[in-house]
């Protein structure tokens, strides 16, 4: 069976946890930050778990993680 290619943008955005869940960073933290509160920006720093609906798609894009 041939090797599968890893999706390049996905390997930069997602990590697989030890239990097999998909970890991702939150959106809306790249620009127009002056109008966002400090609390909102602080909470956007934290990573979160991707939804189970998207998890299977992400795992197909990351075959060797």
C-alpha atoms as a PDB file:
ATOM      1  CA  UNK A   1       0.000   0.000   0.000  1.00  0.00           C
ATOM      2  CA  UNK A   2       1.438   3.426  -0.919  1.00  0.00           C
ATOM      3  CA  UNK A   3       2.199   6.121   1.615  1.00  0.00           C
ATOM      4  CA  UNK A   4      -0.453   8.785   2.224  1.00  0.00           C
ATOM      5  CA  UNK A   5       0.355  12.465   2.045  1.00  0.00           C
ATOM      6  CA  UNK A   6      -0.305  14.613   5.099  1.00  0.00           C
ATOM      7  CA  UNK A   7      -2.378  17.742   4.447  1.00  0.00           C
ATOM      8  CA  UNK A   8       0.185  20.547   4.862  1.00  0.00           C
ATOM      9  CA  UNK A   9      -2.055  23.241   6.347  1.00  0.00           C
ATOM     10  CA  UNK A  10      -3.679  20.764   8.737  1.00  0.00           C
ATOM     11  CA  UNK A  11      -0.401  19.660  10.290  1.00  0.00           C
ATOM     12  CA  UNK A  12       0.295  23.302  11.188  1.00  0.00           C
ATOM     13  CA  UNK A  13      -3.166  23.885  12.706  1.00  0.00           C
ATOM     14  CA  UNK A  14      -4.072  20.678  14.557  1.00  0.00           C
ATOM     15  CA  UNK A  15      -2.464  18.318  17.075  1.00  0.00           C
ATOM     16  CA  UNK A  16      -3.763  14.921  18.161  1.00  0.00           C
ATOM     17  CA  UNK A  17      -3.912  14.462  21.942  1.00  0.00           C
ATOM     18  CA  UNK A  18      -2.899  11.300  23.773  1.00  0.00           C
ATOM     19  CA  UNK A  19      -6.524  10.179  23.991  1.00  0.00           C
ATOM     20  CA  UNK A  20      -7.070  10.730  20.246  1.00  0.00           C
ATOM     21  CA  UNK A  21      -8.967  14.021  20.361  1.00  0.00           C
ATOM     22  CA  UNK A  22      -8.060  16.902  18.035  1.00  0.00           C
ATOM     23  CA  UNK A  23      -6.648  20.071  19.597  1.00  0.00           C
ATOM     24  CA  UNK A  24      -7.009  23.401  17.781  1.00  0.00           C
ATOM     25  CA  UNK A  25      -6.424  27.097  18.377  1.00  0.00           C
ATOM     26  CA  UNK A  26      -9.281  29.593  18.514  1.00  0.00           C
ATOM     27  CA  UNK A  27     -10.030  32.010  15.680  1.00  0.00           C
ATOM     28  CA  UNK A  28     -10.444  35.837  15.700  1.00  0.00           C
ATOM     29  CA  UNK A  29      -7.092  36.648  17.346  1.00  0.00           C
ATOM     30  CA  UNK A  30      -5.123  37.834  14.300  1.00  0.00           C
ATOM     31  CA  UNK A  31      -6.176  41.458  13.641  1.00  0.00           C
ATOM     32  CA  UNK A  32      -8.603  44.256  14.659  1.00  0.00           C
ATOM     33  CA  UNK A  33      -7.678  43.664  18.301  1.00  0.00           C
ATOM     34  CA  UNK A  34      -8.225  47.217  19.582  1.00  0.00           C
ATOM     35  CA  UNK A  35     -12.003  46.874  19.807  1.00  0.00           C
ATOM     36  CA  UNK A  36     -11.821  43.479  21.553  1.00  0.00           C
ATOM     37  CA  UNK A  37     -11.690  43.428  25.333  1.00  0.00           C
ATOM     38  CA  UNK A  38      -8.656  42.135  27.239  1.00  0.00           C
ATOM     39  CA  UNK A  39     -10.784  39.316  28.667  1.00  0.00           C
ATOM     40  CA  UNK A  40     -11.894  38.231  25.195  1.00  0.00           C
ATOM     41  CA  UNK A  41      -8.325  38.274  23.827  1.00  0.00           C
ATOM     42  CA  UNK A  42      -7.062  36.378  26.880  1.00  0.00           C
ATOM     43  CA  UNK A  43      -9.660  33.637  26.367  1.00  0.00           C
ATOM     44  CA  UNK A  44      -8.799  33.378  22.660  1.00  0.00           C
ATOM     45  CA  UNK A  45      -5.209  32.470  23.598  1.00  0.00           C
ATOM     46  CA  UNK A  46      -6.249  29.105  24.981  1.00  0.00           C
ATOM     47  CA  UNK A  47      -6.499  26.068  22.751  1.00  0.00           C
ATOM     48  CA  UNK A  48      -9.623  23.934  22.635  1.00  0.00           C
ATOM     49  CA  UNK A  49     -10.825  20.558  21.388  1.00  0.00           C
ATOM     50  CA  UNK A  50     -12.266  20.370  17.861  1.00  0.00           C
ATOM     51  CA  UNK A  51     -15.879  19.252  17.506  1.00  0.00           C
ATOM     52  CA  UNK A  52     -16.580  15.567  16.995  1.00  0.00           C
ATOM     53  CA  UNK A  53     -18.302  16.381  13.679  1.00  0.00           C
ATOM     54  CA  UNK A  54     -15.002  17.703  12.266  1.00  0.00           C
ATOM     55  CA  UNK A  55     -12.718  15.277  14.093  1.00  0.00           C
ATOM     56  CA  UNK A  56     -13.009  12.422  11.575  1.00  0.00           C
ATOM     57  CA  UNK A  57     -12.272  14.753   8.630  1.00  0.00           C
ATOM     58  CA  UNK A  58      -9.192  16.173  10.365  1.00  0.00           C
ATOM     59  CA  UNK A  59      -7.883  12.698  11.199  1.00  0.00           C
ATOM     60  CA  UNK A  60      -8.099  11.709   7.504  1.00  0.00           C
ATOM     61  CA  UNK A  61      -5.929  14.736   6.675  1.00  0.00           C
ATOM     62  CA  UNK A  62      -3.399  13.709   9.369  1.00  0.00           C
ATOM     63  CA  UNK A  63      -2.873   9.986   8.689  1.00  0.00           C
ATOM     64  CA  UNK A  64       0.360   9.545  10.678  1.00  0.00           C
ATOM     65  CA  UNK A  65      -0.378  11.576  13.829  1.00  0.00           C
END
